[in-house]
Structures are given as structure tokens and as C-alpha cells.
Amino acid sequence: MASLSKETCVACRRDAPLVTEAEITELKPQIPQWHLIERAGINRLEHTFQFSNFAQALTFTGRVGELAETEGHHPAILTEWGRVTVTWWTHKIRGLHRNDFIMAAKTDQIYSSL
């Protein structure tokens, strides 16, 4: 199985399929710190990253933003003193796509590099 962090997001249309339970079972172990949540009836991936101060949290937020622009896939990001919560889901399909798992893995990679 190829590492999710090495994959690139694919363009997603409104009729793209949501990930199946079998796909979630396959992909989730590659991003073990992420939580599957439901908010407003939409399944999402969410993780809160811890930092020593606001400056580190802000740097991380900027790098995740740069990644989102590069990949053309954008999360919800909440930046606070000492932590950043990142939430991935695919807006067009109102749920989870493989792209969200790819971006979660790439987000983990950014955090590991700091």
C-alpha cells in the first residue's frame, strides 16, 4: 500500500463517490491520530495539533494553508494559542473522499517536520 502522503489529490466532481466503510478501514490506520466525526450531518476527519506557543501554531497554519493551495483542497482550520484544529472533508460531496485522507497524512507530515 502506497503512503497516502505521497499521493496527490484528484479533482473531485459533485457526483464523486464518498469513501466506503471498507476504504475507511483501509485508510484510517495511516492517519491514526485523526478522528472520524460527524458535524451538521457531514462526516469529517479532525485532529488537534499541540504547540508550545501561538507563533508555532501560526507557522503550522500557514504551511497547511500553502499545502491546501497547492493541492486545491481546503480544510477548516482553527488556530488558537498552543493548538491548531484541522478538519478535512470534501465540500462538493458533503462527506469524505480519498483526498481527505491524503491531506490528513500530508498535514501530519508538516507537523512532523516542525
PDB file of N, CA and C in Angstrom:
ATOM      1  N   MET A   1       0.846  -1.176   0.000  1.00  0.00           N
ATOM      2  CA  MET A   1       0.000   0.000   0.000  1.00  0.00           C
ATOM      3  C   MET A   1       0.892   1.240   0.000  1.00  0.00           C
ATOM      4  N   ALA A   2       0.651   2.116  -0.962  1.00  0.00           N
ATOM      5  CA  ALA A   2       1.439   3.347  -1.056  1.00  0.00           C
ATOM      6  C   ALA A   2       1.074   4.280   0.097  1.00  0.00           C
ATOM      7  N   SER A   3       2.041   5.060   0.536  1.00  0.00           N
ATOM      8  CA  SER A   3       1.810   6.022   1.597  1.00  0.00           C
ATOM      9  C   SER A   3       0.889   7.132   1.096  1.00  0.00           C
ATOM     10  N   LEU A   4      -0.126   7.438   1.869  1.00  0.00           N
ATOM     11  CA  LEU A   4      -1.061   8.498   1.487  1.00  0.00           C
ATOM     12  C   LEU A   4      -0.358   9.830   1.282  1.00  0.00           C
ATOM     13  N   SER A   5       0.661  10.096   2.083  1.00  0.00           N
ATOM     14  CA  SER A   5       1.340  11.395   1.994  1.00  0.00           C
ATOM     15  C   SER A   5       2.090  11.574   0.676  1.00  0.00           C
ATOM     16  N   LYS A   6       2.283  10.510  -0.074  1.00  0.00           N
ATOM     17  CA  LYS A   6       2.963  10.598  -1.366  1.00  0.00           C
ATOM     18  C   LYS A   6       1.977  10.769  -2.527  1.00  0.00           C
ATOM     19  N   GLU A   7       0.697  10.648  -2.234  1.00  0.00           N
ATOM     20  CA  GLU A   7      -0.329  10.788  -3.272  1.00  0.00           C
ATOM     21  C   GLU A   7      -0.691  12.253  -3.476  1.00  0.00           C
ATOM     22  N   THR A   8      -1.355  12.526  -4.583  1.00  0.00           N
ATOM     23  CA  THR A   8      -1.821  13.869  -4.913  1.00  0.00           C
ATOM     24  C   THR A   8      -3.336  13.832  -5.011  1.00  0.00           C
ATOM     25  N   CYS A   9      -3.975  14.882  -4.577  1.00  0.00           N
ATOM     26  CA  CYS A   9      -5.429  14.963  -4.687  1.00  0.00           C
ATOM     27  C   CYS A   9      -5.849  14.975  -6.149  1.00  0.00           C
ATOM     28  N   VAL A  10      -6.987  14.353  -6.399  1.00  0.00           N
ATOM     29  CA  VAL A  10      -7.562  14.369  -7.742  1.00  0.00           C
ATOM     30  C   VAL A  10      -8.744  15.328  -7.738  1.00  0.00           C
ATOM     31  N   ALA A  11      -9.026  15.903  -8.882  1.00  0.00           N
ATOM     32  CA  ALA A  11     -10.185  16.791  -8.987  1.00  0.00           C
ATOM     33  C   ALA A  11     -11.435  15.997  -8.625  1.00  0.00           C
ATOM     34  N   CYS A  12     -12.288  16.601  -7.850  1.00  0.00           N
ATOM     35  CA  CYS A  12     -13.468  15.915  -7.341  1.00  0.00           C
ATOM     36  C   CYS A  12     -14.717  16.609  -7.867  1.00  0.00           C
ATOM     37  N   ARG A  13     -15.591  15.828  -8.504  1.00  0.00           N
ATOM     38  CA  ARG A  13     -16.851  16.370  -9.013  1.00  0.00           C
ATOM     39  C   ARG A  13     -17.964  16.114  -8.003  1.00  0.00           C
ATOM     40  N   ARG A  14     -19.069  16.782  -8.196  1.00  0.00           N
ATOM     41  CA  ARG A  14     -20.208  16.624  -7.279  1.00  0.00           C
ATOM     42  C   ARG A  14     -20.745  15.201  -7.239  1.00  0.00           C
ATOM     43  N   ASP A  15     -20.519  14.424  -8.292  1.00  0.00           N
ATOM     44  CA  ASP A  15     -21.016  13.050  -8.319  1.00  0.00           C
ATOM     45  C   ASP A  15     -19.941  12.034  -7.919  1.00  0.00           C
ATOM     46  N   ALA A  16     -18.823  12.507  -7.403  1.00  0.00           N
ATOM     47  CA  ALA A  16     -17.771  11.591  -6.940  1.00  0.00           C
ATOM     48  C   ALA A  16     -18.299  10.792  -5.749  1.00  0.00           C
ATOM     49  N   PRO A  17     -17.898   9.530  -5.655  1.00  0.00           N
ATOM     50  CA  PRO A  17     -18.402   8.711  -4.555  1.00  0.00           C
ATOM     51  C   PRO A  17     -17.719   9.034  -3.231  1.00  0.00           C
ATOM     52  N   LEU A  18     -18.486   8.923  -2.161  1.00  0.00           N
ATOM     53  CA  LEU A  18     -17.925   9.002  -0.815  1.00  0.00           C
ATOM     54  C   LEU A  18     -17.082   7.754  -0.578  1.00  0.00           C
ATOM     55  N   VAL A  19     -16.114   7.822   0.330  1.00  0.00           N
ATOM     56  CA  VAL A  19     -15.363   6.613   0.669  1.00  0.00           C
ATOM     57  C   VAL A  19     -16.319   5.624   1.324  1.00  0.00           C
ATOM     58  N   THR A  20     -16.065   4.353   1.092  1.00  0.00           N
ATOM     59  CA  THR A  20     -16.878   3.295   1.687  1.00  0.00           C
ATOM     60  C   THR A  20     -16.324   2.941   3.062  1.00  0.00           C
ATOM     61  N   GLU A  21     -17.073   2.197   3.832  1.00  0.00           N
ATOM     62  CA  GLU A  21     -16.588   1.728   5.133  1.00  0.00           C
ATOM     63  C   GLU A  21     -15.328   0.890   4.953  1.00  0.00           C
ATOM     64  N   ALA A  22     -15.275   0.076   3.892  1.00  0.00           N
ATOM     65  CA  ALA A  22     -14.090  -0.744   3.623  1.00  0.00           C
ATOM     66  C   ALA A  22     -12.876   0.139   3.330  1.00  0.00           C
ATOM     67  N   GLU A  23     -13.079   1.212   2.589  1.00  0.00           N
ATOM     68  CA  GLU A  23     -11.980   2.132   2.294  1.00  0.00           C
ATOM     69  C   GLU A  23     -11.524   2.854   3.558  1.00  0.00           C
ATOM     70  N   ILE A  24     -12.461   3.248   4.396  1.00  0.00           N
ATOM     71  CA  ILE A  24     -12.095   3.886   5.663  1.00  0.00           C
ATOM     72  C   ILE A  24     -11.265   2.930   6.503  1.00  0.00           C
ATOM     73  N   THR A  25     -11.670   1.663   6.557  1.00  0.00           N
ATOM     74  CA  THR A  25     -10.936   0.646   7.312  1.00  0.00           C
ATOM     75  C   THR A  25      -9.515   0.487   6.778  1.00  0.00           C
ATOM     76  N   GLU A  26      -9.337   0.625   5.486  1.00  0.00           N
ATOM     77  CA  GLU A  26      -8.017   0.517   4.862  1.00  0.00           C
ATOM     78  C   GLU A  26      -7.167   1.769   5.100  1.00  0.00           C
ATOM     79  N   LEU A  27      -7.770   2.953   4.997  1.00  0.00           N
ATOM     80  CA  LEU A  27      -7.033   4.214   5.032  1.00  0.00           C
ATOM     81  C   LEU A  27      -6.773   4.743   6.434  1.00  0.00           C
ATOM     82  N   LYS A  28      -7.698   4.555   7.345  1.00  0.00           N
ATOM     83  CA  LYS A  28      -7.607   5.152   8.680  1.00  0.00           C
ATOM     84  C   LYS A  28      -6.338   4.771   9.443  1.00  0.00           C
ATOM     85  N   PRO A  29      -5.828   3.540   9.345  1.00  0.00           N
ATOM     86  CA  PRO A  29      -4.586   3.210  10.060  1.00  0.00           C
ATOM     87  C   PRO A  29      -3.382   4.056   9.645  1.00  0.00           C
ATOM     88  N   GLN A  30      -3.438   4.664   8.465  1.00  0.00           N
ATOM     89  CA  GLN A  30      -2.335   5.516   8.018  1.00  0.00           C
ATOM     90  C   GLN A  30      -2.380   6.904   8.661  1.00  0.00           C
ATOM     91  N   ILE A  31      -3.503   7.230   9.279  1.00  0.00           N
ATOM     92  CA  ILE A  31      -3.650   8.521   9.977  1.00  0.00           C
ATOM     93  C   ILE A  31      -4.282   8.259  11.353  1.00  0.00           C
ATOM     94  N   PRO A  32      -3.601   7.499  12.203  1.00  0.00           N
ATOM     95  CA  PRO A  32      -4.219   7.022  13.449  1.00  0.00           C
ATOM     96  C   PRO A  32      -4.629   8.107  14.442  1.00  0.00           C
ATOM     97  N   GLN A  33      -4.020   9.280  14.390  1.00  0.00           N
ATOM     98  CA  GLN A  33      -4.353  10.335  15.345  1.00  0.00           C
ATOM     99  C   GLN A  33      -5.616  11.115  14.959  1.00  0.00           C
ATOM    100  N   TRP A  34      -6.090  10.911  13.757  1.00  0.00           N
ATOM    101  CA  TRP A  34      -7.257  11.648  13.268  1.00  0.00           C
ATOM    102  C   TRP A  34      -8.535  10.961  13.730  1.00  0.00           C
ATOM    103  N   HIS A  35      -9.549  11.778  14.012  1.00  0.00           N
ATOM    104  CA  HIS A  35     -10.838  11.271  14.466  1.00  0.00           C
ATOM    105  C   HIS A  35     -11.868  11.420  13.357  1.00  0.00           C
ATOM    106  N   LEU A  36     -12.671  10.384  13.185  1.00  0.00           N
ATOM    107  CA  LEU A  36     -13.823  10.472  12.295  1.00  0.00           C
ATOM    108  C   LEU A  36     -14.943  11.104  13.110  1.00  0.00           C
ATOM    109  N   ILE A  37     -15.443  12.220  12.628  1.00  0.00           N
ATOM    110  CA  ILE A  37     -16.519  12.912  13.338  1.00  0.00           C
ATOM    111  C   ILE A  37     -17.643  13.215  12.362  1.00  0.00           C
ATOM    112  N   GLU A  38     -18.811  13.496  12.908  1.00  0.00           N
ATOM    113  CA  GLU A  38     -19.923  13.966  12.090  1.00  0.00           C
ATOM    114  C   GLU A  38     -20.352  15.317  12.641  1.00  0.00           C
ATOM    115  N   ARG A  39     -20.422  16.283  11.762  1.00  0.00           N
ATOM    116  CA  ARG A  39     -20.871  17.622  12.140  1.00  0.00           C
ATOM    117  C   ARG A  39     -21.826  18.111  11.063  1.00  0.00           C
ATOM    118  N   ALA A  40     -22.992  18.545  11.470  1.00  0.00           N
ATOM    119  CA  ALA A  40     -24.020  19.027  10.542  1.00  0.00           C
ATOM    120  C   ALA A  40     -24.366  17.958   9.503  1.00  0.00           C
ATOM    121  N   GLY A  41     -24.352  16.692   9.945  1.00  0.00           N
ATOM    122  CA  GLY A  41     -24.701  15.594   9.061  1.00  0.00           C
ATOM    123  C   GLY A  41     -23.635  15.221   8.045  1.00  0.00           C
ATOM    124  N   ILE A  42     -22.420  15.758   8.219  1.00  0.00           N
ATOM    125  CA  ILE A  42     -21.330  15.509   7.263  1.00  0.00           C
ATOM    126  C   ILE A  42     -20.173  14.842   7.995  1.00  0.00           C
ATOM    127  N   ASN A  43     -19.725  13.699   7.471  1.00  0.00           N
ATOM    128  CA  ASN A  43     -18.557  13.024   8.042  1.00  0.00           C
ATOM    129  C   ASN A  43     -17.295  13.791   7.687  1.00  0.00           C
ATOM    130  N   ARG A  44     -16.392  13.872   8.663  1.00  0.00           N
ATOM    131  CA  ARG A  44     -15.158  14.643   8.507  1.00  0.00           C
ATOM    132  C   ARG A  44     -14.020  13.952   9.245  1.00  0.00           C
ATOM    133  N   LEU A  45     -12.798  14.353   8.922  1.00  0.00           N
ATOM    134  CA  LEU A  45     -11.602  13.947   9.651  1.00  0.00           C
ATOM    135  C   LEU A  45     -11.120  15.156  10.430  1.00  0.00           C
ATOM    136  N   GLU A  46     -10.793  14.962  11.712  1.00  0.00           N
ATOM    137  CA  GLU A  46     -10.373  16.104  12.524  1.00  0.00           C
ATOM    138  C   GLU A  46      -9.256  15.696  13.472  1.00  0.00           C
ATOM    139  N   HIS A  47      -8.315  16.620  13.649  1.00  0.00           N
ATOM    140  CA  HIS A  47      -7.214  16.400  14.588  1.00  0.00           C
ATOM    141  C   HIS A  47      -6.775  17.751  15.147  1.00  0.00           C
ATOM    142  N   THR A  48      -6.452  17.760  16.444  1.00  0.00           N
ATOM    143  CA  THR A  48      -5.933  18.962  17.090  1.00  0.00           C
ATOM    144  C   THR A  48      -4.458  18.746  17.368  1.00  0.00           C
ATOM    145  N   PHE A  49      -3.642  19.639  16.834  1.00  0.00           N
ATOM    146  CA  PHE A  49      -2.188  19.593  16.978  1.00  0.00           C
ATOM    147  C   PHE A  49      -1.777  20.540  18.093  1.00  0.00           C
ATOM    148  N   GLN A  50      -0.844  20.117  18.931  1.00  0.00           N
ATOM    149  CA  GLN A  50      -0.392  20.904  20.078  1.00  0.00           C
ATOM    150  C   GLN A  50       0.937  21.605  19.773  1.00  0.00           C
ATOM    151  N   PHE A  51       1.064  22.843  20.291  1.00  0.00           N
ATOM    152  CA  PHE A  51       2.270  23.640  20.102  1.00  0.00           C
ATOM    153  C   PHE A  51       2.640  24.327  21.403  1.00  0.00           C
ATOM    154  N   SER A  52       3.868  24.810  21.484  1.00  0.00           N
ATOM    155  CA  SER A  52       4.349  25.479  22.691  1.00  0.00           C
ATOM    156  C   SER A  52       3.872  26.918  22.811  1.00  0.00           C
ATOM    157  N   ASN A  53       3.479  27.511  21.663  1.00  0.00           N
ATOM    158  CA  ASN A  53       3.063  28.909  21.695  1.00  0.00           C
ATOM    159  C   ASN A  53       2.238  29.245  20.448  1.00  0.00           C
ATOM    160  N   PHE A  54       1.779  30.467  20.394  1.00  0.00           N
ATOM    161  CA  PHE A  54       0.946  30.895  19.279  1.00  0.00           C
ATOM    162  C   PHE A  54       1.749  31.000  17.984  1.00  0.00           C
ATOM    163  N   ALA A  55       2.986  31.451  18.068  1.00  0.00           N
ATOM    164  CA  ALA A  55       3.809  31.613  16.862  1.00  0.00           C
ATOM    165  C   ALA A  55       3.984  30.276  16.138  1.00  0.00           C
ATOM    166  N   GLN A  56       4.245  29.211  16.876  1.00  0.00           N
ATOM    167  CA  GLN A  56       4.390  27.885  16.254  1.00  0.00           C
ATOM    168  C   GLN A  56       3.068  27.442  15.622  1.00  0.00           C
ATOM    169  N   ALA A  57       1.974  27.685  16.330  1.00  0.00           N
ATOM    170  CA  ALA A  57       0.659  27.330  15.800  1.00  0.00           C
ATOM    171  C   ALA A  57       0.380  28.093  14.502  1.00  0.00           C
ATOM    172  N   LEU A  58       0.752  29.356  14.478  1.00  0.00           N
ATOM    173  CA  LEU A  58       0.531  30.173  13.295  1.00  0.00           C
ATOM    174  C   LEU A  58       1.399  29.725  12.117  1.00  0.00           C
ATOM    175  N   THR A  59       2.642  29.350  12.400  1.00  0.00           N
ATOM    176  CA  THR A  59       3.524  28.831  11.348  1.00  0.00           C
ATOM    177  C   THR A  59       2.928  27.568  10.733  1.00  0.00           C
ATOM    178  N   PHE A  60       2.462  26.668  11.583  1.00  0.00           N
ATOM    179  CA  PHE A  60       1.841  25.429  11.116  1.00  0.00           C
ATOM    180  C   PHE A  60       0.607  25.746  10.262  1.00  0.00           C
ATOM    181  N   THR A  61      -0.217  26.657  10.732  1.00  0.00           N
ATOM    182  CA  THR A  61      -1.415  27.046   9.987  1.00  0.00           C
ATOM    183  C   THR A  61      -1.042  27.538   8.593  1.00  0.00           C
ATOM    184  N   GLY A  62      -0.001  28.350   8.508  1.00  0.00           N
ATOM    185  CA  GLY A  62       0.450  28.858   7.210  1.00  0.00           C
ATOM    186  C   GLY A  62       0.898  27.749   6.282  1.00  0.00           C
ATOM    187  N   ARG A  63       1.601  26.782   6.828  1.00  0.00           N
ATOM    188  CA  ARG A  63       2.085  25.669   5.993  1.00  0.00           C
ATOM    189  C   ARG A  63       0.940  24.782   5.516  1.00  0.00           C
ATOM    190  N   VAL A  64      -0.043  24.566   6.377  1.00  0.00           N
ATOM    191  CA  VAL A  64      -1.219  23.801   5.951  1.00  0.00           C
ATOM    192  C   VAL A  64      -1.973  24.582   4.874  1.00  0.00           C
ATOM    193  N   GLY A  65      -2.054  25.895   5.022  1.00  0.00           N
ATOM    194  CA  GLY A  65      -2.685  26.724   4.002  1.00  0.00           C
ATOM    195  C   GLY A  65      -1.970  26.653   2.661  1.00  0.00           C
ATOM    196  N   GLU A  66      -0.636  26.665   2.694  1.00  0.00           N
ATOM    197  CA  GLU A  66       0.146  26.533   1.454  1.00  0.00           C
ATOM    198  C   GLU A  66      -0.118  25.179   0.799  1.00  0.00           C
ATOM    199  N   LEU A  67      -0.158  24.125   1.596  1.00  0.00           N
ATOM    200  CA  LEU A  67      -0.463  22.789   1.080  1.00  0.00           C
ATOM    201  C   LEU A  67      -1.845  22.782   0.431  1.00  0.00           C
ATOM    202  N   ALA A  68      -2.820  23.367   1.107  1.00  0.00           N
ATOM    203  CA  ALA A  68      -4.184  23.391   0.586  1.00  0.00           C
ATOM    204  C   ALA A  68      -4.244  24.089  -0.770  1.00  0.00           C
ATOM    205  N   GLU A  69      -3.531  25.190  -0.903  1.00  0.00           N
ATOM    206  CA  GLU A  69      -3.499  25.900  -2.182  1.00  0.00           C
ATOM    207  C   GLU A  69      -2.834  25.060  -3.270  1.00  0.00           C
ATOM    208  N   THR A  70      -1.750  24.397  -2.921  1.00  0.00           N
ATOM    209  CA  THR A  70      -1.040  23.555  -3.890  1.00  0.00           C
ATOM    210  C   THR A  70      -1.911  22.408  -4.380  1.00  0.00           C
ATOM    211  N   GLU A  71      -2.614  21.769  -3.455  1.00  0.00           N
ATOM    212  CA  GLU A  71      -3.428  20.596  -3.793  1.00  0.00           C
ATOM    213  C   GLU A  71      -4.826  20.961  -4.282  1.00  0.00           C
ATOM    214  N   GLY A  72      -5.241  22.217  -4.083  1.00  0.00           N
ATOM    215  CA  GLY A  72      -6.579  22.614  -4.488  1.00  0.00           C
ATOM    216  C   GLY A  72      -7.669  21.987  -3.622  1.00  0.00           C
ATOM    217  N   HIS A  73      -7.339  21.747  -2.344  1.00  0.00           N
ATOM    218  CA  HIS A  73      -8.295  21.128  -1.418  1.00  0.00           C
ATOM    219  C   HIS A  73      -8.105  21.816  -0.069  1.00  0.00           C
ATOM    220  N   HIS A  74      -9.173  22.359   0.482  1.00  0.00           N
ATOM    221  CA  HIS A  74      -9.041  23.284   1.611  1.00  0.00           C
ATOM    222  C   HIS A  74      -9.788  22.803   2.851  1.00  0.00           C
ATOM    223  N   PRO A  75      -9.133  22.872   4.019  1.00  0.00           N
ATOM    224  CA  PRO A  75      -9.750  22.437   5.266  1.00  0.00           C
ATOM    225  C   PRO A  75     -10.375  23.601   6.031  1.00  0.00           C
ATOM    226  N   ALA A  76     -11.025  23.251   7.113  1.00  0.00           N
ATOM    227  CA  ALA A  76     -11.360  24.238   8.134  1.00  0.00           C
ATOM    228  C   ALA A  76     -10.198  24.201   9.116  1.00  0.00           C
ATOM    229  N   ILE A  77      -9.694  25.372   9.487  1.00  0.00           N
ATOM    230  CA  ILE A  77      -8.561  25.463  10.414  1.00  0.00           C
ATOM    231  C   ILE A  77      -8.928  26.437  11.525  1.00  0.00           C
ATOM    232  N   LEU A  78      -8.769  25.982  12.763  1.00  0.00           N
ATOM    233  CA  LEU A  78      -8.964  26.840  13.925  1.00  0.00           C
ATOM    234  C   LEU A  78      -7.617  26.965  14.623  1.00  0.00           C
ATOM    235  N   THR A  79      -7.045  28.166  14.613  1.00  0.00           N
ATOM    236  CA  THR A  79      -5.741  28.423  15.221  1.00  0.00           C
ATOM    237  C   THR A  79      -5.955  29.143  16.545  1.00  0.00           C
ATOM    238  N   GLU A  80      -5.418  28.556  17.603  1.00  0.00           N
ATOM    239  CA  GLU A  80      -5.533  29.119  18.943  1.00  0.00           C
ATOM    240  C   GLU A  80      -4.154  29.113  19.580  1.00  0.00           C
ATOM    241  N   TRP A  81      -4.030  29.728  20.753  1.00  0.00           N
ATOM    242  CA  TRP A  81      -2.758  29.690  21.447  1.00  0.00           C
ATOM    243  C   TRP A  81      -2.441  28.238  21.786  1.00  0.00           C
ATOM    244  N   GLY A  82      -1.322  27.743  21.249  1.00  0.00           N
ATOM    245  CA  GLY A  82      -0.835  26.409  21.587  1.00  0.00           C
ATOM    246  C   GLY A  82      -1.509  25.251  20.892  1.00  0.00           C
ATOM    247  N   ARG A  83      -2.433  25.521  19.981  1.00  0.00           N
ATOM    248  CA  ARG A  83      -3.051  24.407  19.261  1.00  0.00           C
ATOM    249  C   ARG A  83      -3.730  24.864  17.975  1.00  0.00           C
ATOM    250  N   VAL A  84      -3.806  23.903  17.054  1.00  0.00           N
ATOM    251  CA  VAL A  84      -4.484  24.129  15.780  1.00  0.00           C
ATOM    252  C   VAL A  84      -5.351  22.907  15.513  1.00  0.00           C
ATOM    253  N   THR A  85      -6.624  23.140  15.256  1.00  0.00           N
ATOM    254  CA  THR A  85      -7.532  22.058  14.891  1.00  0.00           C
ATOM    255  C   THR A  85      -7.757  22.134  13.388  1.00  0.00           C
ATOM    256  N   VAL A  86      -7.477  21.016  12.714  1.00  0.00           N
ATOM    257  CA  VAL A  86      -7.642  20.930  11.262  1.00  0.00           C
ATOM    258  C   VAL A  86      -8.747  19.917  10.983  1.00  0.00           C
ATOM    259  N   THR A  87      -9.677  20.303  10.121  1.00  0.00           N
ATOM    260  CA  THR A  87     -10.789  19.430   9.761  1.00  0.00           C
ATOM    261  C   THR A  87     -10.852  19.321   8.241  1.00  0.00           C
ATOM    262  N   TRP A  88     -10.794  18.082   7.764  1.00  0.00           N
ATOM    263  CA  TRP A  88     -10.850  17.814   6.323  1.00  0.00           C
ATOM    264  C   TRP A  88     -12.157  17.117   5.973  1.00  0.00           C
ATOM    265  N   TRP A  89     -12.788  17.544   4.905  1.00  0.00           N
ATOM    266  CA  TRP A  89     -13.893  16.858   4.255  1.00  0.00           C
ATOM    267  C   TRP A  89     -14.019  17.469   2.877  1.00  0.00           C
ATOM    268  N   THR A  90     -14.747  16.798   2.013  1.00  0.00           N
ATOM    269  CA  THR A  90     -14.893  17.287   0.648  1.00  0.00           C
ATOM    270  C   THR A  90     -16.235  17.995   0.531  1.00  0.00           C
ATOM    271  N   HIS A  91     -16.163  19.293   0.384  1.00  0.00           N
ATOM    272  CA  HIS A  91     -17.356  20.139   0.375  1.00  0.00           C
ATOM    273  C   HIS A  91     -18.326  19.744  -0.734  1.00  0.00           C
ATOM    274  N   LYS A  92     -17.800  19.480  -1.926  1.00  0.00           N
ATOM    275  CA  LYS A  92     -18.662  19.195  -3.078  1.00  0.00           C
ATOM    276  C   LYS A  92     -19.541  17.970  -2.873  1.00  0.00           C
ATOM    277  N   ILE A  93     -19.020  16.962  -2.175  1.00  0.00           N
ATOM    278  CA  ILE A  93     -19.799  15.730  -1.994  1.00  0.00           C
ATOM    279  C   ILE A  93     -20.365  15.612  -0.578  1.00  0.00           C
ATOM    280  N   ARG A  94     -20.122  16.628   0.243  1.00  0.00           N
ATOM    281  CA  ARG A  94     -20.651  16.676   1.603  1.00  0.00           C
ATOM    282  C   ARG A  94     -20.282  15.430   2.401  1.00  0.00           C
ATOM    283  N   GLY A  95     -18.991  15.099   2.349  1.00  0.00           N
ATOM    284  CA  GLY A  95     -18.517  13.937   3.098  1.00  0.00           C
ATOM    285  C   GLY A  95     -17.058  13.658   2.808  1.00  0.00           C
ATOM    286  N   LEU A  96     -16.669  12.439   3.067  1.00  0.00           N
ATOM    287  CA  LEU A  96     -15.256  12.060   2.935  1.00  0.00           C
ATOM    288  C   LEU A  96     -14.940  11.412   1.599  1.00  0.00           C
ATOM    289  N   HIS A  97     -13.818  11.816   1.046  1.00  0.00           N
ATOM    290  CA  HIS A  97     -13.253  11.286  -0.197  1.00  0.00           C
ATOM    291  C   HIS A  97     -11.822  10.861   0.125  1.00  0.00           C
ATOM    292  N   ARG A  98     -11.228  10.069  -0.719  1.00  0.00           N
ATOM    293  CA  ARG A  98      -9.828   9.676  -0.515  1.00  0.00           C
ATOM    294  C   ARG A  98      -8.937  10.906  -0.345  1.00  0.00           C
ATOM    295  N   ASN A  99      -9.247  11.995  -1.060  1.00  0.00           N
ATOM    296  CA  ASN A  99      -8.467  13.231  -0.947  1.00  0.00           C
ATOM    297  C   ASN A  99      -8.321  13.685   0.503  1.00  0.00           C
ATOM    298  N   ASP A 100      -9.355  13.508   1.300  1.00  0.00           N
ATOM    299  CA  ASP A 100      -9.309  13.958   2.694  1.00  0.00           C
ATOM    300  C   ASP A 100      -8.289  13.161   3.496  1.00  0.00           C
ATOM    301  N   PHE A 101      -8.185  11.886   3.228  1.00  0.00           N
ATOM    302  CA  PHE A 101      -7.199  11.046   3.899  1.00  0.00           C
ATOM    303  C   PHE A 101      -5.782  11.409   3.446  1.00  0.00           C
ATOM    304  N   ILE A 102      -5.639  11.697   2.162  1.00  0.00           N
ATOM    305  CA  ILE A 102      -4.348  12.145   1.625  1.00  0.00           C
ATOM    306  C   ILE A 102      -3.919  13.432   2.322  1.00  0.00           C
ATOM    307  N   MET A 103      -4.838  14.378   2.422  1.00  0.00           N
ATOM    308  CA  MET A 103      -4.498  15.667   3.027  1.00  0.00           C
ATOM    309  C   MET A 103      -4.235  15.539   4.527  1.00  0.00           C
ATOM    310  N   ALA A 104      -4.931  14.653   5.201  1.00  0.00           N
ATOM    311  CA  ALA A 104      -4.656  14.416   6.622  1.00  0.00           C
ATOM    312  C   ALA A 104      -3.241  13.869   6.786  1.00  0.00           C
ATOM    313  N   ALA A 105      -2.838  12.938   5.937  1.00  0.00           N
ATOM    314  CA  ALA A 105      -1.483  12.374   6.005  1.00  0.00           C
ATOM    315  C   ALA A 105      -0.437  13.448   5.713  1.00  0.00           C
ATOM    316  N   LYS A 106      -0.712  14.307   4.754  1.00  0.00           N
ATOM    317  CA  LYS A 106       0.225  15.386   4.431  1.00  0.00           C
ATOM    318  C   LYS A 106       0.286  16.418   5.555  1.00  0.00           C
ATOM    319  N   THR A 107      -0.831  16.633   6.227  1.00  0.00           N
ATOM    320  CA  THR A 107      -0.854  17.541   7.371  1.00  0.00           C
ATOM    321  C   THR A 107       0.014  16.977   8.492  1.00  0.00           C
ATOM    322  N   ASP A 108      -0.099  15.671   8.733  1.00  0.00           N
ATOM    323  CA  ASP A 108       0.762  15.015   9.731  1.00  0.00           C
ATOM    324  C   ASP A 108       2.235  15.188   9.382  1.00  0.00           C
ATOM    325  N   GLN A 109       2.543  15.083   8.113  1.00  0.00           N
ATOM    326  CA  GLN A 109       3.919  15.224   7.643  1.00  0.00           C
ATOM    327  C   GLN A 109       4.443  16.642   7.934  1.00  0.00           C
ATOM    328  N   ILE A 110       3.617  17.640   7.725  1.00  0.00           N
ATOM    329  CA  ILE A 110       4.005  19.029   8.023  1.00  0.00           C
ATOM    330  C   ILE A 110       4.285  19.157   9.515  1.00  0.00           C
ATOM    331  N   TYR A 111       3.411  18.625  10.340  1.00  0.00           N
ATOM    332  CA  TYR A 111       3.592  18.711  11.793  1.00  0.00           C
ATOM    333  C   TYR A 111       4.888  18.030  12.218  1.00  0.00           C
ATOM    334  N   SER A 112       5.184  16.889  11.644  1.00  0.00           N
ATOM    335  CA  SER A 112       6.414  16.157  11.979  1.00  0.00           C
ATOM    336  C   SER A 112       7.667  16.919  11.576  1.00  0.00           C
ATOM    337  N   SER A 113       7.544  17.768  10.562  1.00  0.00           N
ATOM    338  CA  SER A 113       8.721  18.495  10.065  1.00  0.00           C
ATOM    339  C   SER A 113       9.043  19.742  10.883  1.00  0.00           C
ATOM    340  N   LEU A 114       8.148  20.156  11.786  1.00  0.00           N
ATOM    341  CA  LEU A 114       8.377  21.363  12.583  1.00  0.00           C
ATOM    342  C   LEU A 114       9.243  21.097  13.785  1.00  0.00           C
TER     343      LEU A 114
END
